[in-house]
Amino acid sequence: MENVFDSRDHTARDALAAWAEVIRNAVMLTTFRLVDTDVFDGWLKTMPLGPVQLSAMGYSSFCSIRTPKLIRASDPECLQISLIRSGSHVIEQNRRSATAGASELLLFDSSRPFHSCADGGSLLFQFPRPLLPLPAHHLDRVIARPLPGDRGLGRLLADFMITMTEDGACHTPRDAAPLGMVGLDLAAAFLAHHLGREDDVPADSRQRALYVRITSFVQQHLGNPDLTPGDIAAAHHISVRSLHRLFQQHGVSVCSWMRGQRLGRCRRDLADPLKRHIPIRTIAARWGFVRPADFTRAFSALYGTSPSEYRRQAFHND
């Protein structure tokens, strides 16, 4: 992510005005006032993902106001989904007042006046309104309404936002637009679910969101050696044939993808100094390899070296 603001780069007197200018350019035009303090403390990082943007921010207590006059002066015509990471956040928009805490998600609209007060930190996923395949008048029901970000589709969307902010440096510029589409698919599926409008989401978007749901589910159950395509399909109310077809669209079979994920987790643990005392067979079993010989053969075929030699080289290089 790109660092675009740090209050430590400004004098105490200028920090809030500098923050307002940065937010105007990166998010939208609003006015700010401090609450219970004379000094603003905050930071902002942004990441463009094609037509969408992901931002991470932290801040001391403030209130922000977006009036009809400010909307007429400048409107990016975007929707924003905020994931609260810490602190308390209150927003009034669309004749609704909502208070959200950690792990909750809030949808709001740049084209409507709002008043908000916040402290702590949040992540912000923003995108042009036309990219969301849901009728605008239905969205009224979820604007400024706290939605859960710790379970179901909300957790998938929250995990995506968190992972991108923490591991964004691992992705290339060519990855940006496709990753933005993944985020949009998850946002659409999440909001459609809470509106009961799943059929409004295009089939290809639903399929991409389903793939993310399934791969997330599998990653959470990699340690179960008995996990089968049938189990995965049943957990997502689809046929095994549909499951295989979904993975084939991504150029991989269900079992080979699952095996690659398990081997990757084992590789990570083998190179972890904090786990160097754990026997290799125990690490393999943790990630679903019951027979050590099968694990050694699969690991050697993928990485070109045995697990023990890989571990030895990893610690030797340190």
Protein backbone atom coordinates (compact mmCIF):
# COMPACT_ATOMS: atom_id res chain seq x y z
CA MET A 1 0.00 0.00 0.00
CA GLU A 2 1.13 3.57 -0.60
CA ASN A 3 1.61 5.84 2.40
CA VAL A 4 -0.26 9.02 1.54
CA PHE A 5 -0.61 10.70 4.94
CA ASP A 6 1.05 10.67 8.35
CA SER A 7 0.20 13.37 10.86
CA ARG A 8 3.78 13.22 12.16
CA ASP A 9 4.87 14.90 8.93
CA HIS A 10 2.87 18.02 9.86
CA THR A 11 2.76 20.51 12.66
CA ALA A 12 0.03 20.10 15.24
CA ARG A 13 -1.69 23.19 13.88
CA ASP A 14 -1.68 21.99 10.24
CA ALA A 15 -2.33 18.26 10.63
CA LEU A 16 -6.15 18.33 10.47
CA ALA A 17 -6.22 20.62 7.42
CA ALA A 18 -3.68 18.39 5.68
CA TRP A 19 -5.78 15.33 6.52
CA ALA A 20 -8.90 16.95 5.08
CA GLU A 21 -7.08 17.74 1.83
CA VAL A 22 -5.76 14.19 1.49
CA ILE A 23 -9.20 12.68 2.20
CA ARG A 24 -10.70 15.05 -0.37
CA ASN A 25 -8.37 13.70 -3.06
CA ALA A 26 -8.28 10.06 -2.01
CA VAL A 27 -11.87 9.50 -0.85
CA MET A 28 -14.33 12.42 -1.02
CA LEU A 29 -14.81 16.03 0.00
CA THR A 30 -15.88 16.39 3.64
CA THR A 31 -15.35 18.81 6.50
CA PHE A 32 -13.78 17.75 9.80
CA ARG A 33 -13.73 18.88 13.41
CA LEU A 34 -11.85 17.37 16.32
CA VAL A 35 -13.54 15.85 19.37
CA ASP A 36 -12.04 16.12 22.88
CA THR A 37 -8.62 17.05 21.54
CA ASP A 38 -6.81 19.95 19.92
CA VAL A 39 -4.36 17.82 17.95
CA PHE A 40 -5.17 15.43 15.12
CA ASP A 41 -3.26 12.16 15.00
CA GLY A 42 -3.74 9.87 12.03
CA TRP A 43 -2.41 8.06 8.97
CA LEU A 44 -3.71 6.85 5.62
CA LYS A 45 -2.53 4.25 3.11
CA THR A 46 -4.19 3.48 -0.21
CA MET A 47 -4.06 0.73 -2.82
CA PRO A 48 -5.64 1.09 -6.28
CA LEU A 49 -7.19 -2.15 -7.54
CA GLY A 50 -8.26 -1.31 -11.06
CA PRO A 51 -11.50 0.71 -10.86
CA VAL A 52 -11.73 0.28 -7.09
CA GLN A 53 -9.58 1.41 -4.19
CA LEU A 54 -8.74 -0.07 -0.83
CA SER A 55 -7.62 2.23 1.97
CA ALA A 56 -6.33 1.62 5.49
CA MET A 57 -6.48 4.40 8.06
CA GLY A 58 -6.11 5.20 11.71
CA TYR A 59 -7.21 8.39 13.47
CA SER A 60 -7.90 10.17 16.71
CA SER A 61 -11.44 11.31 17.53
CA PHE A 62 -13.11 13.49 14.94
CA CYS A 63 -16.45 14.20 13.32
CA SER A 64 -16.90 14.55 9.58
CA ILE A 65 -19.77 16.09 7.66
CA ARG A 66 -20.72 15.82 4.00
CA THR A 67 -23.41 18.32 3.10
CA PRO A 68 -25.51 18.73 -0.07
CA LYS A 69 -23.33 21.72 -0.95
CA LEU A 70 -20.16 19.60 -0.74
CA ILE A 71 -21.80 16.89 -2.84
CA ARG A 72 -22.65 19.43 -5.54
CA ALA A 73 -19.08 20.68 -5.45
CA SER A 74 -17.50 17.24 -5.80
CA ASP A 75 -19.01 13.78 -6.00
CA PRO A 76 -17.05 10.68 -7.06
CA GLU A 77 -20.39 8.80 -7.17
CA CYS A 78 -18.93 5.91 -5.22
CA LEU A 79 -20.12 3.43 -2.67
CA GLN A 80 -17.89 2.69 0.30
CA ILE A 81 -17.81 -0.36 2.55
CA SER A 82 -15.98 0.34 5.78
CA LEU A 83 -14.60 -2.45 7.95
CA ILE A 84 -14.19 -1.22 11.51
CA ARG A 85 -10.90 -2.42 12.95
CA SER A 86 -10.93 -0.60 16.28
CA GLY A 87 -12.70 2.15 18.17
CA SER A 88 -16.26 3.41 17.86
CA HIS A 89 -17.88 4.68 14.67
CA VAL A 90 -21.22 6.44 14.36
CA ILE A 91 -22.73 7.47 11.04
CA GLU A 92 -26.00 9.15 10.11
CA GLN A 93 -27.09 8.73 6.50
CA ASN A 94 -30.27 7.92 4.63
CA ARG A 95 -32.38 8.87 7.68
CA ARG A 96 -30.65 6.20 9.72
CA SER A 97 -28.15 6.41 12.58
CA ALA A 98 -25.83 3.49 13.15
CA THR A 99 -23.11 2.69 15.67
CA ALA A 100 -20.57 0.10 14.58
CA GLY A 101 -17.72 -1.55 16.42
CA ALA A 102 -14.79 -3.81 15.59
CA SER A 103 -15.39 -6.42 12.86
CA GLU A 104 -18.59 -4.78 11.64
CA LEU A 105 -19.12 -3.50 8.10
CA LEU A 106 -20.88 -0.30 7.07
CA LEU A 107 -22.07 0.71 3.60
CA PHE A 108 -22.40 4.39 2.77
CA ASP A 109 -22.86 6.51 -0.34
CA SER A 110 -20.82 9.52 -1.46
CA SER A 111 -23.87 11.02 -3.16
CA ARG A 112 -25.89 11.38 0.03
CA PRO A 113 -25.26 13.74 2.94
CA PHE A 114 -23.88 12.16 6.08
CA HIS A 115 -22.56 12.97 9.52
CA SER A 116 -20.11 10.67 11.23
CA CYS A 117 -17.96 10.55 14.36
CA ALA A 118 -15.12 8.10 14.72
CA ASP A 119 -11.96 7.15 16.49
CA GLY A 120 -9.67 4.17 16.07
CA GLY A 121 -9.09 2.62 12.66
CA SER A 122 -10.83 1.14 9.64
CA LEU A 123 -10.40 -0.25 6.15
CA LEU A 124 -12.34 1.29 3.28
CA PHE A 125 -13.30 -0.49 0.06
CA GLN A 126 -14.70 2.01 -2.44
CA PHE A 127 -15.95 1.56 -5.98
CA PRO A 128 -18.07 3.35 -8.60
CA ARG A 129 -21.76 2.76 -7.97
CA PRO A 130 -22.50 1.41 -11.50
CA LEU A 131 -20.12 -1.52 -10.88
CA LEU A 132 -22.41 -2.96 -8.21
CA PRO A 133 -25.02 -5.15 -9.96
CA LEU A 134 -27.81 -4.32 -7.52
CA PRO A 135 -30.67 -1.84 -7.93
CA ALA A 136 -29.95 1.43 -6.12
CA HIS A 137 -33.35 1.57 -4.43
CA HIS A 138 -32.73 -1.78 -2.76
CA LEU A 139 -29.45 -0.57 -1.29
CA ASP A 140 -31.39 1.92 0.84
CA ARG A 141 -32.13 -0.97 3.21
CA VAL A 142 -28.47 -1.58 4.06
CA ILE A 143 -26.96 1.91 3.90
CA ALA A 144 -25.69 2.96 7.35
CA ARG A 145 -26.72 -0.35 8.84
CA PRO A 146 -24.08 -2.36 10.76
CA LEU A 147 -23.52 -5.73 9.09
CA PRO A 148 -21.47 -8.63 10.49
CA GLY A 149 -17.92 -8.96 9.23
CA ASP A 150 -17.00 -11.95 11.39
CA ARG A 151 -19.10 -14.67 9.79
CA GLY A 152 -20.45 -15.85 6.45
CA LEU A 153 -19.92 -13.69 3.39
CA GLY A 154 -19.08 -10.72 5.60
CA ARG A 155 -16.07 -12.57 6.95
CA LEU A 156 -14.91 -13.44 3.42
CA LEU A 157 -15.12 -9.77 2.42
CA ALA A 158 -13.39 -8.66 5.62
CA ASP A 159 -10.66 -11.29 5.19
CA PHE A 160 -10.08 -10.10 1.64
CA MET A 161 -9.69 -6.51 2.76
CA ILE A 162 -7.38 -7.43 5.63
CA THR A 163 -5.24 -9.76 3.52
CA MET A 164 -4.81 -7.16 0.80
CA THR A 165 -3.68 -4.51 3.27
CA GLU A 166 -1.26 -6.89 4.99
CA ASP A 167 0.08 -8.79 1.97
CA GLY A 168 -0.44 -6.26 -0.81
CA ALA A 169 3.30 -6.01 -1.49
CA CYS A 170 3.22 -9.63 -2.67
CA HIS A 171 1.08 -8.70 -5.67
CA THR A 172 2.24 -7.17 -8.95
CA PRO A 173 0.58 -4.23 -10.75
CA ARG A 174 -0.91 -6.74 -13.20
CA ASP A 175 -2.74 -8.36 -10.28
CA ALA A 176 -4.49 -5.13 -9.26
CA ALA A 177 -7.51 -5.14 -11.56
CA PRO A 178 -8.29 -8.88 -11.16
CA LEU A 179 -8.01 -8.55 -7.39
CA GLY A 180 -10.33 -5.55 -7.51
CA MET A 181 -12.88 -7.69 -9.35
CA VAL A 182 -12.59 -10.36 -6.65
CA GLY A 183 -13.37 -7.70 -4.06
CA LEU A 184 -16.34 -6.45 -6.08
CA ASP A 185 -17.71 -9.97 -6.46
CA LEU A 186 -17.48 -10.51 -2.72
CA ALA A 187 -19.07 -7.13 -1.99
CA ALA A 188 -21.92 -7.85 -4.41
CA ALA A 189 -22.54 -11.32 -2.98
CA PHE A 190 -22.38 -9.97 0.58
CA LEU A 191 -24.85 -7.15 0.00
CA ALA A 192 -27.15 -9.28 -2.16
CA HIS A 193 -27.33 -11.85 0.61
CA HIS A 194 -28.43 -9.27 3.18
CA LEU A 195 -30.97 -7.88 0.72
CA GLY A 196 -32.28 -11.28 -0.32
CA ARG A 197 -31.44 -10.36 -3.93
CA GLU A 198 -28.88 -13.04 -4.85
CA ASP A 199 -30.48 -13.52 -8.28
CA ASP A 200 -29.71 -9.89 -9.18
CA VAL A 201 -26.00 -10.70 -9.22
CA PRO A 202 -24.77 -11.90 -12.65
CA ALA A 203 -23.97 -15.60 -12.91
CA ASP A 204 -20.25 -15.07 -13.58
CA SER A 205 -19.94 -12.84 -10.52
CA ARG A 206 -21.74 -15.41 -8.39
CA GLN A 207 -19.40 -18.11 -9.68
CA ARG A 208 -16.30 -16.10 -8.82
CA ALA A 209 -17.63 -15.36 -5.35
CA LEU A 210 -18.52 -19.04 -4.89
CA TYR A 211 -14.97 -20.02 -5.81
CA VAL A 212 -13.60 -17.68 -3.15
CA ARG A 213 -16.05 -19.08 -0.59
CA ILE A 214 -15.05 -22.65 -1.38
CA THR A 215 -11.30 -22.04 -1.39
CA SER A 216 -11.62 -20.21 1.93
CA PHE A 217 -13.59 -23.14 3.34
CA VAL A 218 -10.98 -25.63 2.15
CA GLN A 219 -8.13 -23.59 3.64
CA GLN A 220 -9.90 -23.66 7.00
CA HIS A 221 -10.16 -27.48 6.81
CA LEU A 222 -6.80 -28.43 5.30
CA GLY A 223 -5.87 -30.29 8.47
CA ASN A 224 -8.70 -32.78 7.96
CA PRO A 225 -7.20 -35.70 5.99
CA ASP A 226 -10.67 -37.08 5.29
CA LEU A 227 -11.91 -33.94 3.50
CA THR A 228 -13.26 -34.96 0.10
CA PRO A 229 -14.76 -33.14 -2.89
CA GLY A 230 -18.09 -34.59 -1.78
CA ASP A 231 -17.76 -32.93 1.63
CA ILE A 232 -16.83 -29.63 0.04
CA ALA A 233 -19.71 -29.75 -2.42
CA ALA A 234 -22.23 -30.67 0.27
CA ALA A 235 -21.08 -27.81 2.51
CA HIS A 236 -21.85 -25.37 -0.32
CA HIS A 237 -25.07 -27.03 -1.55
CA ILE A 238 -23.75 -27.86 -5.02
CA SER A 239 -23.08 -31.13 -6.83
CA VAL A 240 -19.64 -32.69 -6.98
CA ARG A 241 -19.77 -32.29 -10.75
CA SER A 242 -20.39 -28.55 -10.39
CA LEU A 243 -17.52 -28.33 -7.93
CA HIS A 244 -15.10 -29.97 -10.35
CA ARG A 245 -16.32 -27.76 -13.20
CA LEU A 246 -15.77 -24.64 -11.06
CA PHE A 247 -12.15 -25.56 -10.36
CA GLN A 248 -11.54 -26.56 -13.97
CA GLN A 249 -12.46 -23.01 -14.94
CA HIS A 250 -9.42 -21.94 -12.90
CA GLY A 251 -7.17 -24.49 -14.58
CA VAL A 252 -6.83 -26.89 -11.65
CA SER A 253 -8.57 -29.90 -10.14
CA VAL A 254 -10.04 -29.81 -6.64
CA CYS A 255 -7.64 -32.41 -5.25
CA SER A 256 -4.49 -30.95 -6.85
CA TRP A 257 -5.38 -27.47 -5.58
CA MET A 258 -5.97 -28.83 -2.10
CA ARG A 259 -2.70 -30.78 -2.17
CA GLY A 260 -0.81 -27.67 -3.30
CA GLN A 261 -2.25 -25.66 -0.45
CA ARG A 262 -1.32 -28.35 2.08
CA LEU A 263 2.22 -28.58 0.74
CA GLY A 264 2.54 -24.80 0.87
CA ARG A 265 1.52 -24.74 4.53
CA CYS A 266 4.01 -27.51 5.30
CA ARG A 267 6.76 -25.64 3.48
CA ARG A 268 6.02 -22.50 5.50
CA ASP A 269 6.13 -24.41 8.79
CA LEU A 270 9.34 -26.21 7.88
CA ALA A 271 11.09 -22.86 7.38
CA ASP A 272 9.68 -21.32 10.58
CA PRO A 273 12.39 -21.06 13.30
CA LEU A 274 9.69 -21.19 15.96
CA LYS A 275 8.67 -24.63 14.69
CA ARG A 276 12.13 -26.12 14.16
CA HIS A 277 11.65 -28.43 17.17
CA ILE A 278 8.48 -29.96 15.68
CA PRO A 279 9.09 -33.27 13.86
CA ILE A 280 8.49 -33.21 10.11
CA ARG A 281 5.91 -35.98 10.34
CA THR A 282 3.95 -33.91 12.88
CA ILE A 283 3.90 -30.89 10.56
CA ALA A 284 2.80 -33.11 7.69
CA ALA A 285 -0.01 -34.64 9.77
CA ARG A 286 -1.14 -31.19 10.89
CA TRP A 287 -1.86 -30.35 7.27
CA GLY A 288 -3.58 -33.57 6.29
CA PHE A 289 -0.75 -35.90 5.27
CA VAL A 290 -1.36 -39.08 7.27
CA ARG A 291 1.45 -41.15 5.71
CA PRO A 292 4.94 -39.58 5.98
CA ALA A 293 6.13 -41.38 2.84
CA ASP A 294 3.31 -39.86 0.79
CA PHE A 295 4.17 -36.42 2.11
CA THR A 296 7.89 -36.77 1.34
CA ARG A 297 7.16 -37.94 -2.20
CA ALA A 298 4.66 -35.11 -2.89
CA PHE A 299 6.90 -32.44 -1.35
CA SER A 300 9.97 -33.60 -3.29
CA ALA A 301 8.02 -33.69 -6.56
CA LEU A 302 6.76 -30.13 -6.13
CA TYR A 303 9.81 -28.42 -4.65
CA GLY A 304 12.67 -30.55 -5.99
CA THR A 305 14.07 -31.39 -2.58
CA SER A 306 13.10 -33.50 0.40
CA PRO A 307 11.36 -31.93 3.42
CA SER A 308 14.37 -32.57 5.65
CA GLU A 309 16.81 -31.04 3.17
CA TYR A 310 14.52 -28.04 2.63
CA ARG A 311 14.38 -27.44 6.39
CA ARG A 312 18.16 -27.81 6.71
CA GLN A 313 18.79 -25.28 3.92
CA ALA A 314 16.24 -22.84 5.33
CA PHE A 315 17.95 -22.75 8.73
CA HIS A 316 21.44 -22.78 7.19
CA ASN A 317 20.59 -19.69 5.11
CA ASP A 318 19.49 -17.90 8.28
